[in-house]
Amino acid sequence: MATLQIASVTVALVAALANLVRRQWLVNIIALALQYLAVFVLLLALRPPLLALIKLLVGWMVVLLLLITLASLKSFLPGQAFFHFTPGEIFRAAAGIFIIFTLILTAPNLNQGLFASTPQTILISSLGLIFLGLLQLGMISEPLYIIIGLLTFLSGFELLYASLEFSSILEALFAAVNLGLALIGAYFLVKQEESQTV
């Protein structure tokens, strides 16, 4: 189980880092789906399997909604080659890796002080998702990547909250907020497409 949790933490952080760095919508959607899968596996240690499965299903519904919206838009065609990195992407990657390593180094102190009841793997992944989501919100201005940053932040916050206490009302609220963000994101993507064609 410990190996599976470490693998899930790695997948969640790498997926969030990929969303921070790359601006290729298909890569971003796949990374978001993998991120929700990793959060599901981590939630299995904190919640009953059915509640964790609800988080996965809601996450994949969000991904499907964004994917259908993006696939219907003409402006989101395949862009640059995958292994070609711009200076902005290199800077975002360096900033994201710095945050992840800082969290790994400070997690034992945070675990003893502020979050004593939270397992260290959960703490690293939840704070990593929160900070990478915030970093993405601060560095990227396109609607798709803002929504992905908000969803990443919310996934980290949900994971951290799940390690502290349980509230079925808040679990339902988190699901509604995720779906609402996906709908808002789809609306702004369509609106951006319409404004470019006028």
Protein backbone atom coordinates (compact mmCIF):
# COMPACT_ATOMS: atom_id res chain seq x y z
CA MET A 1 0.00 0.00 0.00
CA ALA A 2 2.86 2.40 0.79
CA THR A 3 4.35 1.84 -2.67
CA LEU A 4 0.98 2.53 -4.29
CA GLN A 5 0.61 5.74 -2.30
CA ILE A 6 4.10 6.94 -3.24
CA ALA A 7 3.35 6.14 -6.90
CA SER A 8 0.05 8.06 -6.61
CA VAL A 9 1.79 11.09 -5.07
CA THR A 10 4.32 11.01 -7.92
CA VAL A 11 1.61 10.76 -10.60
CA ALA A 12 -0.45 13.58 -9.02
CA LEU A 13 2.51 15.96 -8.78
CA VAL A 14 3.89 15.13 -12.24
CA ALA A 15 0.42 15.62 -13.76
CA ALA A 16 0.01 18.98 -11.98
CA LEU A 17 3.51 19.97 -13.12
CA ALA A 18 2.68 18.99 -16.71
CA ASN A 19 -0.44 21.17 -16.57
CA LEU A 20 1.62 24.04 -15.19
CA VAL A 21 4.33 23.77 -17.86
CA ARG A 22 2.67 22.67 -21.12
CA ARG A 23 0.06 24.49 -23.19
CA GLN A 24 -1.19 21.60 -25.31
CA TRP A 25 -4.81 20.94 -24.53
CA LEU A 26 -4.77 17.17 -25.14
CA VAL A 27 -1.73 16.74 -22.88
CA ASN A 28 -3.40 18.92 -20.25
CA ILE A 29 -6.67 16.96 -20.34
CA ILE A 30 -4.85 13.61 -20.04
CA ALA A 31 -2.74 14.96 -17.18
CA LEU A 32 -5.89 16.20 -15.40
CA ALA A 33 -7.51 12.76 -15.76
CA LEU A 34 -4.38 11.10 -14.32
CA GLN A 35 -4.35 13.63 -11.49
CA TYR A 36 -7.92 12.71 -10.53
CA LEU A 37 -7.00 9.00 -10.65
CA ALA A 38 -4.03 9.59 -8.32
CA VAL A 39 -6.17 11.62 -5.90
CA PHE A 40 -8.70 8.76 -5.91
CA VAL A 41 -6.02 6.25 -4.91
CA LEU A 42 -4.81 8.58 -2.14
CA LEU A 43 -8.37 9.11 -0.90
CA LEU A 44 -8.81 5.35 -0.50
CA ALA A 45 -6.60 5.59 2.61
CA LEU A 46 -8.89 8.28 4.10
CA ARG A 47 -12.43 7.56 2.90
CA PRO A 48 -14.63 4.55 2.21
CA PRO A 49 -14.14 3.26 -1.35
CA LEU A 50 -17.57 4.48 -2.48
CA LEU A 51 -16.89 8.09 -1.44
CA ALA A 52 -13.45 8.00 -3.04
CA LEU A 53 -15.03 6.60 -6.22
CA ILE A 54 -17.48 9.52 -6.29
CA LYS A 55 -14.50 11.91 -6.36
CA LEU A 56 -13.01 9.97 -9.28
CA LEU A 57 -16.29 9.91 -11.23
CA VAL A 58 -16.88 13.64 -10.69
CA GLY A 59 -13.30 14.35 -11.76
CA TRP A 60 -13.61 12.31 -14.92
CA MET A 61 -16.97 13.97 -15.70
CA VAL A 62 -15.15 17.31 -15.46
CA VAL A 63 -12.42 16.02 -17.78
CA LEU A 64 -15.00 14.67 -20.25
CA LEU A 65 -16.90 17.95 -20.30
CA LEU A 66 -13.72 19.94 -20.98
CA LEU A 67 -12.57 17.41 -23.61
CA ILE A 68 -15.88 17.53 -25.51
CA THR A 69 -15.85 21.33 -25.42
CA LEU A 70 -12.24 21.57 -26.61
CA ALA A 71 -12.73 18.98 -29.36
CA SER A 72 -15.61 21.03 -30.77
CA LEU A 73 -13.59 24.25 -30.99
CA LYS A 74 -11.53 25.04 -34.07
CA SER A 75 -8.98 27.21 -32.28
CA PHE A 76 -7.70 24.27 -30.20
CA LEU A 77 -5.83 22.41 -32.91
CA PRO A 78 -2.56 20.53 -32.32
CA GLY A 79 0.22 23.05 -31.74
CA GLN A 80 3.93 22.81 -31.30
CA ALA A 81 6.00 19.64 -31.04
CA PHE A 82 5.84 18.02 -27.61
CA PHE A 83 9.57 18.17 -26.88
CA HIS A 84 9.99 21.82 -27.89
CA PHE A 85 10.09 23.99 -24.74
CA THR A 86 9.78 27.78 -24.68
CA PRO A 87 11.65 29.88 -22.09
CA GLY A 88 8.35 30.46 -20.25
CA GLU A 89 7.76 26.72 -19.98
CA ILE A 90 11.29 26.15 -18.69
CA PHE A 91 10.78 28.86 -16.06
CA ARG A 92 7.42 27.38 -14.97
CA ALA A 93 8.98 23.92 -14.78
CA ALA A 94 11.86 25.22 -12.62
CA ALA A 95 9.42 27.03 -10.31
CA GLY A 96 7.20 23.95 -10.00
CA ILE A 97 10.13 21.61 -9.29
CA PHE A 98 11.43 24.05 -6.68
CA ILE A 99 8.04 24.01 -4.92
CA ILE A 100 7.88 20.21 -4.97
CA PHE A 101 11.39 19.77 -3.54
CA THR A 102 10.73 22.43 -0.90
CA LEU A 103 7.58 20.58 0.16
CA ILE A 104 9.40 17.25 0.33
CA LEU A 105 12.10 18.78 2.54
CA THR A 106 9.70 20.64 4.85
CA ALA A 107 6.97 17.96 5.04
CA PRO A 108 8.38 16.24 8.17
CA ASN A 109 8.36 19.54 10.10
CA LEU A 110 4.87 20.41 8.85
CA ASN A 111 3.74 16.90 9.73
CA GLN A 112 4.93 17.24 13.33
CA GLY A 113 3.71 20.81 13.83
CA LEU A 114 0.58 21.77 11.91
CA PHE A 115 -0.79 18.57 10.40
CA ALA A 116 0.00 15.85 12.93
CA SER A 117 -2.98 13.68 11.92
CA THR A 118 -2.20 13.84 8.20
CA PRO A 119 -0.02 11.09 6.66
CA GLN A 120 3.13 12.52 5.12
CA THR A 121 2.34 11.26 1.60
CA ILE A 122 -1.09 12.91 1.73
CA LEU A 123 0.45 16.13 3.05
CA ILE A 124 3.05 16.32 0.27
CA SER A 125 0.53 15.59 -2.47
CA SER A 126 -2.20 17.90 -1.16
CA LEU A 127 0.10 20.87 -0.54
CA GLY A 128 1.88 20.18 -3.84
CA LEU A 129 -1.42 20.31 -5.73
CA ILE A 130 -2.47 23.46 -3.86
CA PHE A 131 0.78 25.33 -4.55
CA LEU A 132 1.12 24.15 -8.16
CA GLY A 133 -2.49 25.15 -8.80
CA LEU A 134 -1.87 28.60 -7.31
CA LEU A 135 1.32 28.96 -9.33
CA GLN A 136 -0.59 28.10 -12.50
CA LEU A 137 -3.28 30.66 -11.65
CA GLY A 138 -0.61 33.32 -11.22
CA MET A 139 1.38 32.58 -14.37
CA ILE A 140 -1.14 31.72 -17.09
CA SER A 141 -4.05 33.82 -18.33
CA GLU A 142 -5.88 31.56 -20.82
CA PRO A 143 -9.32 30.32 -19.64
CA LEU A 144 -8.53 26.59 -20.04
CA TYR A 145 -5.40 26.78 -17.91
CA ILE A 146 -7.07 28.97 -15.29
CA ILE A 147 -9.82 26.35 -14.90
CA ILE A 148 -7.24 23.54 -14.72
CA GLY A 149 -5.33 25.54 -12.10
CA LEU A 150 -8.50 26.01 -10.05
CA LEU A 151 -9.35 22.29 -10.33
CA THR A 152 -5.80 21.38 -9.27
CA PHE A 153 -5.99 23.72 -6.29
CA LEU A 154 -9.38 22.31 -5.32
CA SER A 155 -8.14 18.71 -5.59
CA GLY A 156 -5.30 19.48 -3.22
CA PHE A 157 -7.60 21.28 -0.80
CA GLU A 158 -10.11 18.40 -0.84
CA LEU A 159 -7.33 15.91 -0.16
CA LEU A 160 -5.98 17.95 2.75
CA TYR A 161 -9.47 18.47 4.18
CA ALA A 162 -10.22 14.74 3.87
CA SER A 163 -7.18 13.98 6.03
CA LEU A 164 -8.40 16.31 8.78
CA GLU A 165 -12.12 15.57 9.11
CA PHE A 166 -15.20 14.20 7.35
CA SER A 167 -18.35 16.06 6.34
CA SER A 168 -20.77 14.54 3.84
CA ILE A 169 -22.28 17.97 3.12
CA LEU A 170 -18.85 19.39 2.21
CA GLU A 171 -18.08 16.34 0.06
CA ALA A 172 -21.26 17.05 -1.94
CA LEU A 173 -20.35 20.75 -2.09
CA PHE A 174 -16.87 19.92 -3.43
CA ALA A 175 -18.44 17.76 -6.16
CA ALA A 176 -20.83 20.56 -7.11
CA VAL A 177 -18.00 23.12 -7.20
CA ASN A 178 -15.90 20.85 -9.45
CA LEU A 179 -18.78 20.42 -11.90
CA GLY A 180 -19.59 24.13 -11.73
CA LEU A 181 -15.99 25.05 -12.55
CA ALA A 182 -16.05 22.71 -15.54
CA LEU A 183 -19.27 24.31 -16.82
CA ILE A 184 -17.84 27.81 -16.32
CA GLY A 185 -14.65 26.74 -18.08
CA ALA A 186 -16.62 25.33 -21.03
CA TYR A 187 -18.62 28.57 -21.26
CA PHE A 188 -15.49 30.75 -21.31
CA LEU A 189 -13.81 28.50 -23.87
CA VAL A 190 -16.79 28.82 -26.21
CA LYS A 191 -16.99 32.57 -25.57
CA GLN A 192 -13.26 32.93 -26.34
CA GLU A 193 -13.76 31.03 -29.61
CA GLU A 194 -16.70 33.24 -30.59
CA SER A 195 -14.77 36.43 -29.86
CA GLN A 196 -11.90 35.26 -32.07
CA THR A 197 -14.18 34.52 -35.01
CA VAL A 198 -15.99 37.89 -34.90
